[in-house]
Amino acid sequence: MSFQDAIRTCLRKYADFHGRARRSEYWFFILFTAIVGAVAGILDAIFGTRSEMYSGTGPIQGILQLALLLPTLAVGARRLHDTGRSGWWQLIGLIPIVGWIILIVFFVQDSHPANQHGPNPKGLGEGHGAGYSETPPPPPTPQQY
């Protein structure tokens, strides 16, 4: 899934907590939210609307973060569904450091086969690594010069 496809999918499924999301969809959307947050913070600094110079959140950044909160939670729940877990596992992120580490481990795991949340989003066979069942191309033959 490309960067643009991931953003389009996550914004289209704004509040859809059902189904599954591939790793690429999740991580591209997290990258998008980080970029949007950084740009909004720079705009707040340029316009002088930040509450403090090096900390705090300005109105532009605050509004964008609030607007992206629900789709971020939704894609997180769908990503956890892809690993065979409930979306409620996101609440473990409220535990500082340890919770974040556990969530990152869950988010980087590979897709599980079809489960109660739907079929494997990779669309290929069963089992871990099912999306990698294609045979690699043969090595190039040596060229004579």
N, C-alpha and C. Protein backbone atom coordinates (compact mmCIF):
# COMPACT_ATOMS: atom_id res chain seq x y z
N MET A 1 0.85 -1.17 0.00
CA MET A 1 0.00 0.00 0.00
C MET A 1 0.90 1.23 0.00
N SER A 2 0.60 2.17 -0.88
CA SER A 2 1.42 3.38 -0.99
C SER A 2 1.03 4.38 0.10
N PHE A 3 1.86 5.39 0.26
CA PHE A 3 1.62 6.43 1.25
C PHE A 3 0.27 7.10 1.01
N GLN A 4 0.00 7.49 -0.24
CA GLN A 4 -1.26 8.17 -0.57
C GLN A 4 -2.46 7.24 -0.35
N ASP A 5 -2.33 5.98 -0.71
CA ASP A 5 -3.42 5.03 -0.50
C ASP A 5 -3.72 4.86 0.98
N ALA A 6 -2.69 4.81 1.80
CA ALA A 6 -2.88 4.65 3.24
C ALA A 6 -3.61 5.85 3.83
N ILE A 7 -3.22 7.06 3.44
CA ILE A 7 -3.87 8.26 3.95
C ILE A 7 -5.33 8.27 3.50
N ARG A 8 -5.55 8.00 2.23
CA ARG A 8 -6.92 8.00 1.68
C ARG A 8 -7.78 6.96 2.41
N THR A 9 -7.25 5.78 2.62
CA THR A 9 -8.00 4.72 3.29
C THR A 9 -8.33 5.10 4.73
N CYS A 10 -7.35 5.61 5.45
CA CYS A 10 -7.58 5.94 6.86
C CYS A 10 -8.56 7.10 7.01
N LEU A 11 -8.50 8.07 6.14
CA LEU A 11 -9.43 9.19 6.24
C LEU A 11 -10.83 8.78 5.75
N ARG A 12 -10.90 7.87 4.81
CA ARG A 12 -12.20 7.38 4.35
C ARG A 12 -12.84 6.52 5.44
N LYS A 13 -12.03 5.73 6.15
CA LYS A 13 -12.54 4.92 7.26
C LYS A 13 -12.33 5.68 8.57
N TYR A 14 -12.74 6.93 8.59
CA TYR A 14 -12.49 7.87 9.68
C TYR A 14 -12.81 7.30 11.05
N ALA A 15 -13.97 6.69 11.19
CA ALA A 15 -14.39 6.16 12.49
C ALA A 15 -14.77 4.69 12.37
N ASP A 16 -14.13 3.96 11.48
CA ASP A 16 -14.42 2.55 11.29
C ASP A 16 -13.46 1.72 12.14
N PHE A 17 -13.99 1.19 13.23
CA PHE A 17 -13.18 0.39 14.14
C PHE A 17 -13.31 -1.10 13.85
N HIS A 18 -13.93 -1.45 12.74
CA HIS A 18 -14.12 -2.85 12.36
C HIS A 18 -13.19 -3.18 11.20
N GLY A 19 -12.81 -4.45 11.11
CA GLY A 19 -11.95 -4.87 10.02
C GLY A 19 -10.49 -4.89 10.43
N ARG A 20 -9.63 -4.90 9.43
CA ARG A 20 -8.20 -5.05 9.67
C ARG A 20 -7.41 -4.04 8.84
N ALA A 21 -6.22 -3.71 9.31
CA ALA A 21 -5.33 -2.79 8.60
C ALA A 21 -3.93 -3.40 8.52
N ARG A 22 -3.33 -3.31 7.36
CA ARG A 22 -1.97 -3.81 7.18
C ARG A 22 -0.97 -2.92 7.90
N ARG A 23 0.23 -3.43 8.09
CA ARG A 23 1.28 -2.63 8.74
C ARG A 23 1.56 -1.36 7.97
N SER A 24 1.63 -1.46 6.64
CA SER A 24 1.95 -0.27 5.84
C SER A 24 0.89 0.81 6.01
N GLU A 25 -0.39 0.40 6.04
CA GLU A 25 -1.46 1.38 6.23
C GLU A 25 -1.29 2.10 7.56
N TYR A 26 -1.02 1.35 8.62
CA TYR A 26 -0.88 1.94 9.95
C TYR A 26 0.32 2.88 10.02
N TRP A 27 1.49 2.39 9.63
CA TRP A 27 2.71 3.18 9.80
C TRP A 27 2.76 4.39 8.86
N PHE A 28 2.21 4.27 7.65
CA PHE A 28 2.15 5.44 6.78
C PHE A 28 1.22 6.50 7.37
N PHE A 29 0.12 6.07 7.99
CA PHE A 29 -0.78 7.07 8.59
C PHE A 29 -0.13 7.71 9.81
N ILE A 30 0.62 6.96 10.60
CA ILE A 30 1.34 7.54 11.75
C ILE A 30 2.37 8.54 11.25
N LEU A 31 3.08 8.21 10.17
CA LEU A 31 4.03 9.15 9.58
C LEU A 31 3.31 10.42 9.12
N PHE A 32 2.15 10.27 8.48
CA PHE A 32 1.36 11.41 8.03
C PHE A 32 0.96 12.30 9.21
N THR A 33 0.49 11.71 10.30
CA THR A 33 0.09 12.52 11.45
C THR A 33 1.29 13.25 12.07
N ALA A 34 2.46 12.61 12.06
CA ALA A 34 3.66 13.27 12.58
C ALA A 34 4.06 14.45 11.70
N ILE A 35 3.99 14.27 10.39
CA ILE A 35 4.33 15.36 9.46
C ILE A 35 3.34 16.51 9.60
N VAL A 36 2.05 16.18 9.66
CA VAL A 36 1.02 17.22 9.82
C VAL A 36 1.22 17.96 11.14
N GLY A 37 1.54 17.23 12.21
CA GLY A 37 1.78 17.87 13.51
C GLY A 37 2.97 18.80 13.48
N ALA A 38 4.05 18.37 12.83
CA ALA A 38 5.25 19.21 12.74
C ALA A 38 4.98 20.47 11.92
N VAL A 39 4.31 20.32 10.79
CA VAL A 39 3.99 21.48 9.94
C VAL A 39 3.07 22.43 10.68
N ALA A 40 2.07 21.90 11.39
CA ALA A 40 1.16 22.75 12.15
C ALA A 40 1.90 23.48 13.27
N GLY A 41 2.85 22.80 13.92
CA GLY A 41 3.64 23.46 14.95
C GLY A 41 4.49 24.58 14.39
N ILE A 42 5.06 24.36 13.21
CA ILE A 42 5.86 25.41 12.55
C ILE A 42 4.96 26.59 12.19
N LEU A 43 3.78 26.31 11.67
CA LEU A 43 2.85 27.40 11.33
C LEU A 43 2.43 28.18 12.57
N ASP A 44 2.20 27.48 13.67
CA ASP A 44 1.87 28.18 14.93
C ASP A 44 3.02 29.06 15.38
N ALA A 45 4.26 28.58 15.21
CA ALA A 45 5.43 29.37 15.59
C ALA A 45 5.58 30.59 14.68
N ILE A 46 5.35 30.41 13.38
CA ILE A 46 5.47 31.53 12.44
C ILE A 46 4.44 32.60 12.74
N PHE A 47 3.20 32.18 13.01
CA PHE A 47 2.13 33.14 13.28
C PHE A 47 2.14 33.65 14.71
N GLY A 48 3.01 33.08 15.55
CA GLY A 48 3.11 33.53 16.94
C GLY A 48 1.91 33.16 17.78
N THR A 49 1.27 32.05 17.46
CA THR A 49 0.07 31.66 18.19
C THR A 49 0.32 30.53 19.19
N ARG A 50 1.57 30.13 19.37
CA ARG A 50 1.88 29.09 20.35
C ARG A 50 1.79 29.68 21.74
N SER A 51 1.41 28.84 22.71
CA SER A 51 1.30 29.32 24.08
C SER A 51 2.68 29.62 24.68
N GLU A 52 3.70 28.84 24.30
CA GLU A 52 5.08 29.09 24.71
C GLU A 52 5.98 28.84 23.52
N MET A 53 7.15 29.40 23.53
CA MET A 53 8.01 29.32 22.36
C MET A 53 8.45 27.89 22.02
N TYR A 54 8.94 27.13 22.99
CA TYR A 54 9.48 25.81 22.70
C TYR A 54 8.63 24.66 23.23
N SER A 55 7.51 24.98 23.79
CA SER A 55 6.60 23.93 24.26
C SER A 55 5.18 24.43 24.13
N GLY A 56 4.26 23.57 24.38
CA GLY A 56 2.87 23.96 24.25
C GLY A 56 2.37 23.71 22.84
N THR A 57 1.08 23.85 22.70
CA THR A 57 0.43 23.61 21.42
C THR A 57 -0.34 24.85 21.03
N GLY A 58 -0.20 25.26 19.80
CA GLY A 58 -0.96 26.39 19.30
C GLY A 58 -2.31 25.94 18.76
N PRO A 59 -3.15 26.87 18.36
CA PRO A 59 -4.49 26.51 17.90
C PRO A 59 -4.48 25.68 16.61
N ILE A 60 -3.59 25.96 15.68
CA ILE A 60 -3.55 25.20 14.43
C ILE A 60 -3.18 23.75 14.72
N GLN A 61 -2.14 23.56 15.50
CA GLN A 61 -1.70 22.21 15.84
C GLN A 61 -2.75 21.49 16.67
N GLY A 62 -3.36 22.18 17.60
CA GLY A 62 -4.39 21.56 18.45
C GLY A 62 -5.60 21.10 17.65
N ILE A 63 -6.07 21.93 16.73
CA ILE A 63 -7.23 21.57 15.91
C ILE A 63 -6.91 20.38 15.02
N LEU A 64 -5.72 20.38 14.40
CA LEU A 64 -5.35 19.26 13.53
C LEU A 64 -5.15 17.97 14.32
N GLN A 65 -4.55 18.06 15.50
CA GLN A 65 -4.39 16.86 16.32
C GLN A 65 -5.73 16.31 16.76
N LEU A 66 -6.65 17.19 17.10
CA LEU A 66 -7.98 16.76 17.49
C LEU A 66 -8.72 16.11 16.30
N ALA A 67 -8.55 16.69 15.12
CA ALA A 67 -9.20 16.15 13.92
C ALA A 67 -8.64 14.77 13.55
N LEU A 68 -7.37 14.53 13.82
CA LEU A 68 -6.74 13.26 13.45
C LEU A 68 -6.79 12.22 14.57
N LEU A 69 -7.33 12.58 15.73
CA LEU A 69 -7.37 11.65 16.85
C LEU A 69 -8.23 10.43 16.55
N LEU A 70 -9.45 10.64 16.07
CA LEU A 70 -10.36 9.52 15.81
C LEU A 70 -9.84 8.59 14.71
N PRO A 71 -9.37 9.11 13.56
CA PRO A 71 -8.84 8.17 12.57
C PRO A 71 -7.59 7.44 13.05
N THR A 72 -6.79 8.06 13.92
CA THR A 72 -5.61 7.38 14.46
C THR A 72 -6.02 6.24 15.38
N LEU A 73 -7.02 6.48 16.22
CA LEU A 73 -7.52 5.41 17.08
C LEU A 73 -8.15 4.28 16.25
N ALA A 74 -8.86 4.65 15.19
CA ALA A 74 -9.52 3.65 14.35
C ALA A 74 -8.50 2.78 13.63
N VAL A 75 -7.48 3.39 13.04
CA VAL A 75 -6.48 2.57 12.33
C VAL A 75 -5.67 1.75 13.33
N GLY A 76 -5.47 2.25 14.54
CA GLY A 76 -4.79 1.46 15.57
C GLY A 76 -5.60 0.23 15.96
N ALA A 77 -6.92 0.40 16.09
CA ALA A 77 -7.78 -0.74 16.41
C ALA A 77 -7.77 -1.75 15.27
N ARG A 78 -7.85 -1.26 14.04
CA ARG A 78 -7.82 -2.18 12.89
C ARG A 78 -6.48 -2.91 12.79
N ARG A 79 -5.40 -2.21 13.13
CA ARG A 79 -4.07 -2.85 13.11
C ARG A 79 -3.99 -3.95 14.16
N LEU A 80 -4.52 -3.68 15.36
CA LEU A 80 -4.53 -4.70 16.40
C LEU A 80 -5.41 -5.87 16.00
N HIS A 81 -6.52 -5.61 15.32
CA HIS A 81 -7.36 -6.70 14.81
C HIS A 81 -6.57 -7.58 13.86
N ASP A 82 -5.68 -6.99 13.07
CA ASP A 82 -4.89 -7.75 12.11
C ASP A 82 -3.92 -8.69 12.81
N THR A 83 -3.55 -8.36 14.03
CA THR A 83 -2.66 -9.23 14.79
C THR A 83 -3.43 -10.16 15.72
N GLY A 84 -4.77 -10.19 15.58
CA GLY A 84 -5.58 -11.10 16.37
C GLY A 84 -5.95 -10.57 17.74
N ARG A 85 -5.84 -9.28 17.97
CA ARG A 85 -6.15 -8.70 19.27
C ARG A 85 -7.34 -7.74 19.17
N SER A 86 -7.90 -7.44 20.30
CA SER A 86 -8.98 -6.47 20.37
C SER A 86 -8.42 -5.06 20.28
N GLY A 87 -9.21 -4.14 19.75
CA GLY A 87 -8.78 -2.75 19.68
C GLY A 87 -8.63 -2.11 21.04
N TRP A 88 -9.25 -2.71 22.05
CA TRP A 88 -9.15 -2.17 23.41
C TRP A 88 -7.72 -2.25 23.95
N TRP A 89 -6.86 -3.04 23.32
CA TRP A 89 -5.47 -3.12 23.75
C TRP A 89 -4.77 -1.76 23.64
N GLN A 90 -5.34 -0.84 22.89
CA GLN A 90 -4.74 0.50 22.78
C GLN A 90 -4.68 1.19 24.14
N LEU A 91 -5.58 0.82 25.04
CA LEU A 91 -5.60 1.43 26.37
C LEU A 91 -4.33 1.14 27.16
N ILE A 92 -3.61 0.07 26.79
CA ILE A 92 -2.36 -0.23 27.49
C ILE A 92 -1.33 0.88 27.25
N GLY A 93 -1.53 1.67 26.19
CA GLY A 93 -0.65 2.80 25.92
C GLY A 93 -0.73 3.90 26.97
N LEU A 94 -1.74 3.84 27.84
CA LEU A 94 -1.85 4.81 28.93
C LEU A 94 -0.81 4.56 30.03
N ILE A 95 -0.21 3.37 30.02
CA ILE A 95 0.86 3.07 30.97
C ILE A 95 2.15 3.61 30.37
N PRO A 96 2.79 4.58 31.03
CA PRO A 96 4.00 5.17 30.45
C PRO A 96 5.10 4.14 30.18
N ILE A 97 5.79 4.32 29.11
CA ILE A 97 6.95 3.58 28.63
C ILE A 97 6.65 2.10 28.38
N VAL A 98 6.29 1.34 29.40
CA VAL A 98 6.05 -0.10 29.25
C VAL A 98 4.87 -0.33 28.30
N GLY A 99 3.80 0.41 28.48
CA GLY A 99 2.63 0.27 27.61
C GLY A 99 2.95 0.62 26.18
N TRP A 100 3.74 1.66 25.98
CA TRP A 100 4.12 2.08 24.63
C TRP A 100 4.96 1.01 23.95
N ILE A 101 5.88 0.42 24.70
CA ILE A 101 6.74 -0.63 24.14
C ILE A 101 5.89 -1.84 23.73
N ILE A 102 4.95 -2.23 24.59
CA ILE A 102 4.08 -3.36 24.28
C ILE A 102 3.26 -3.07 23.03
N LEU A 103 2.71 -1.87 22.92
CA LEU A 103 1.92 -1.51 21.73
C LEU A 103 2.77 -1.53 20.47
N ILE A 104 3.98 -1.02 20.54
CA ILE A 104 4.86 -1.03 19.36
C ILE A 104 5.13 -2.46 18.93
N VAL A 105 5.37 -3.36 19.89
CA VAL A 105 5.60 -4.76 19.56
C VAL A 105 4.37 -5.34 18.87
N PHE A 106 3.18 -5.02 19.37
CA PHE A 106 1.95 -5.51 18.74
C PHE A 106 1.79 -4.95 17.33
N PHE A 107 2.08 -3.66 17.16
CA PHE A 107 1.86 -3.00 15.87
C PHE A 107 2.83 -3.49 14.79
N VAL A 108 4.03 -3.94 15.16
CA VAL A 108 5.00 -4.37 14.15
C VAL A 108 4.86 -5.84 13.78
N GLN A 109 4.02 -6.58 14.49
CA GLN A 109 3.85 -8.00 14.17
C GLN A 109 3.17 -8.18 12.82
N ASP A 110 3.45 -9.33 12.20
CA ASP A 110 2.90 -9.64 10.89
C ASP A 110 1.41 -9.98 11.00
N SER A 111 0.73 -9.93 9.87
CA SER A 111 -0.69 -10.27 9.81
C SER A 111 -0.91 -11.72 10.20
N HIS A 112 -2.02 -11.95 10.89
CA HIS A 112 -2.42 -13.31 11.21
C HIS A 112 -3.38 -13.79 10.13
N PRO A 113 -3.61 -15.10 10.05
CA PRO A 113 -4.57 -15.60 9.07
C PRO A 113 -5.96 -15.07 9.39
N ALA A 114 -6.93 -15.42 8.57
CA ALA A 114 -8.30 -14.97 8.79
C ALA A 114 -8.71 -15.22 10.24
N ASN A 115 -9.33 -14.22 10.85
CA ASN A 115 -9.77 -14.33 12.22
C ASN A 115 -11.16 -13.72 12.35
N GLN A 116 -11.64 -13.50 13.58
CA GLN A 116 -12.98 -13.00 13.80
C GLN A 116 -13.17 -11.58 13.27
N HIS A 117 -12.09 -10.89 12.93
CA HIS A 117 -12.16 -9.52 12.42
C HIS A 117 -12.15 -9.45 10.90
N GLY A 118 -12.02 -10.59 10.24
CA GLY A 118 -12.07 -10.61 8.79
C GLY A 118 -10.94 -11.40 8.18
N PRO A 119 -10.92 -11.45 6.85
CA PRO A 119 -9.86 -12.19 6.15
C PRO A 119 -8.53 -11.44 6.22
N ASN A 120 -7.47 -12.17 5.94
CA ASN A 120 -6.14 -11.59 5.91
C ASN A 120 -6.12 -10.46 4.87
N PRO A 121 -5.75 -9.22 5.25
CA PRO A 121 -5.77 -8.11 4.29
C PRO A 121 -4.73 -8.25 3.18
N LYS A 122 -3.77 -9.13 3.36
CA LYS A 122 -2.79 -9.34 2.30
C LYS A 122 -3.40 -10.13 1.17
N GLY A 123 -4.55 -10.77 1.43
CA GLY A 123 -5.27 -11.47 0.39
C GLY A 123 -4.65 -12.77 -0.07
N LEU A 124 -3.66 -13.27 0.66
CA LEU A 124 -3.01 -14.52 0.27
C LEU A 124 -3.23 -15.56 1.35
N GLY A 125 -2.66 -16.70 1.21
CA GLY A 125 -2.85 -17.88 2.04
C GLY A 125 -2.93 -17.67 3.53
N GLU A 126 -2.85 -18.76 4.24
CA GLU A 126 -2.99 -18.77 5.69
C GLU A 126 -1.63 -18.73 6.38
N GLY A 127 -1.63 -18.33 7.64
CA GLY A 127 -0.43 -18.41 8.46
C GLY A 127 0.40 -17.15 8.45
N HIS A 128 1.34 -17.11 9.38
CA HIS A 128 2.23 -15.95 9.48
C HIS A 128 3.08 -15.86 8.23
N GLY A 129 3.28 -14.65 7.76
CA GLY A 129 4.08 -14.46 6.57
C GLY A 129 3.35 -14.87 5.30
N ALA A 130 2.01 -14.98 5.40
CA ALA A 130 1.24 -15.44 4.26
C ALA A 130 1.40 -14.51 3.07
N GLY A 131 1.65 -13.26 3.32
CA GLY A 131 1.78 -12.31 2.24
C GLY A 131 3.09 -12.44 1.49
N TYR A 132 3.96 -13.31 1.96
CA TYR A 132 5.27 -13.43 1.34
C TYR A 132 5.44 -14.80 0.69
N SER A 133 4.35 -15.36 0.19
CA SER A 133 4.41 -16.69 -0.38
C SER A 133 4.85 -16.71 -1.83
N GLU A 134 4.98 -15.56 -2.45
CA GLU A 134 5.41 -15.52 -3.83
C GLU A 134 6.88 -15.93 -3.92
N THR A 135 7.23 -16.62 -4.98
CA THR A 135 8.62 -17.01 -5.15
C THR A 135 9.40 -15.81 -5.68
N PRO A 136 10.60 -15.62 -5.19
CA PRO A 136 11.38 -14.47 -5.66
C PRO A 136 11.81 -14.67 -7.11
N PRO A 137 12.10 -13.59 -7.81
CA PRO A 137 12.54 -13.73 -9.19
C PRO A 137 13.91 -14.40 -9.25
N PRO A 138 14.21 -15.09 -10.34
CA PRO A 138 15.51 -15.76 -10.43
C PRO A 138 16.63 -14.72 -10.51
N PRO A 139 17.81 -15.09 -10.05
CA PRO A 139 18.92 -14.15 -10.11
C PRO A 139 19.29 -13.85 -11.55
N PRO A 140 19.80 -12.66 -11.81
CA PRO A 140 20.17 -12.33 -13.19
C PRO A 140 21.33 -13.21 -13.66
N THR A 141 21.30 -13.51 -14.91
CA THR A 141 22.37 -14.32 -15.49
C THR A 141 23.59 -13.43 -15.74
N PRO A 142 24.78 -13.98 -15.56
CA PRO A 142 25.99 -13.17 -15.78
C PRO A 142 26.11 -12.79 -17.26
N GLN A 143 26.51 -11.58 -17.48
CA GLN A 143 26.68 -11.07 -18.84
C GLN A 143 28.13 -11.26 -19.28
N GLN A 144 28.32 -11.65 -20.54
CA GLN A 144 29.65 -11.77 -21.12
C GLN A 144 29.99 -10.46 -21.82
N TYR A 145 31.13 -9.93 -21.53
CA TYR A 145 31.54 -8.66 -22.16
C TYR A 145 32.59 -8.88 -23.20
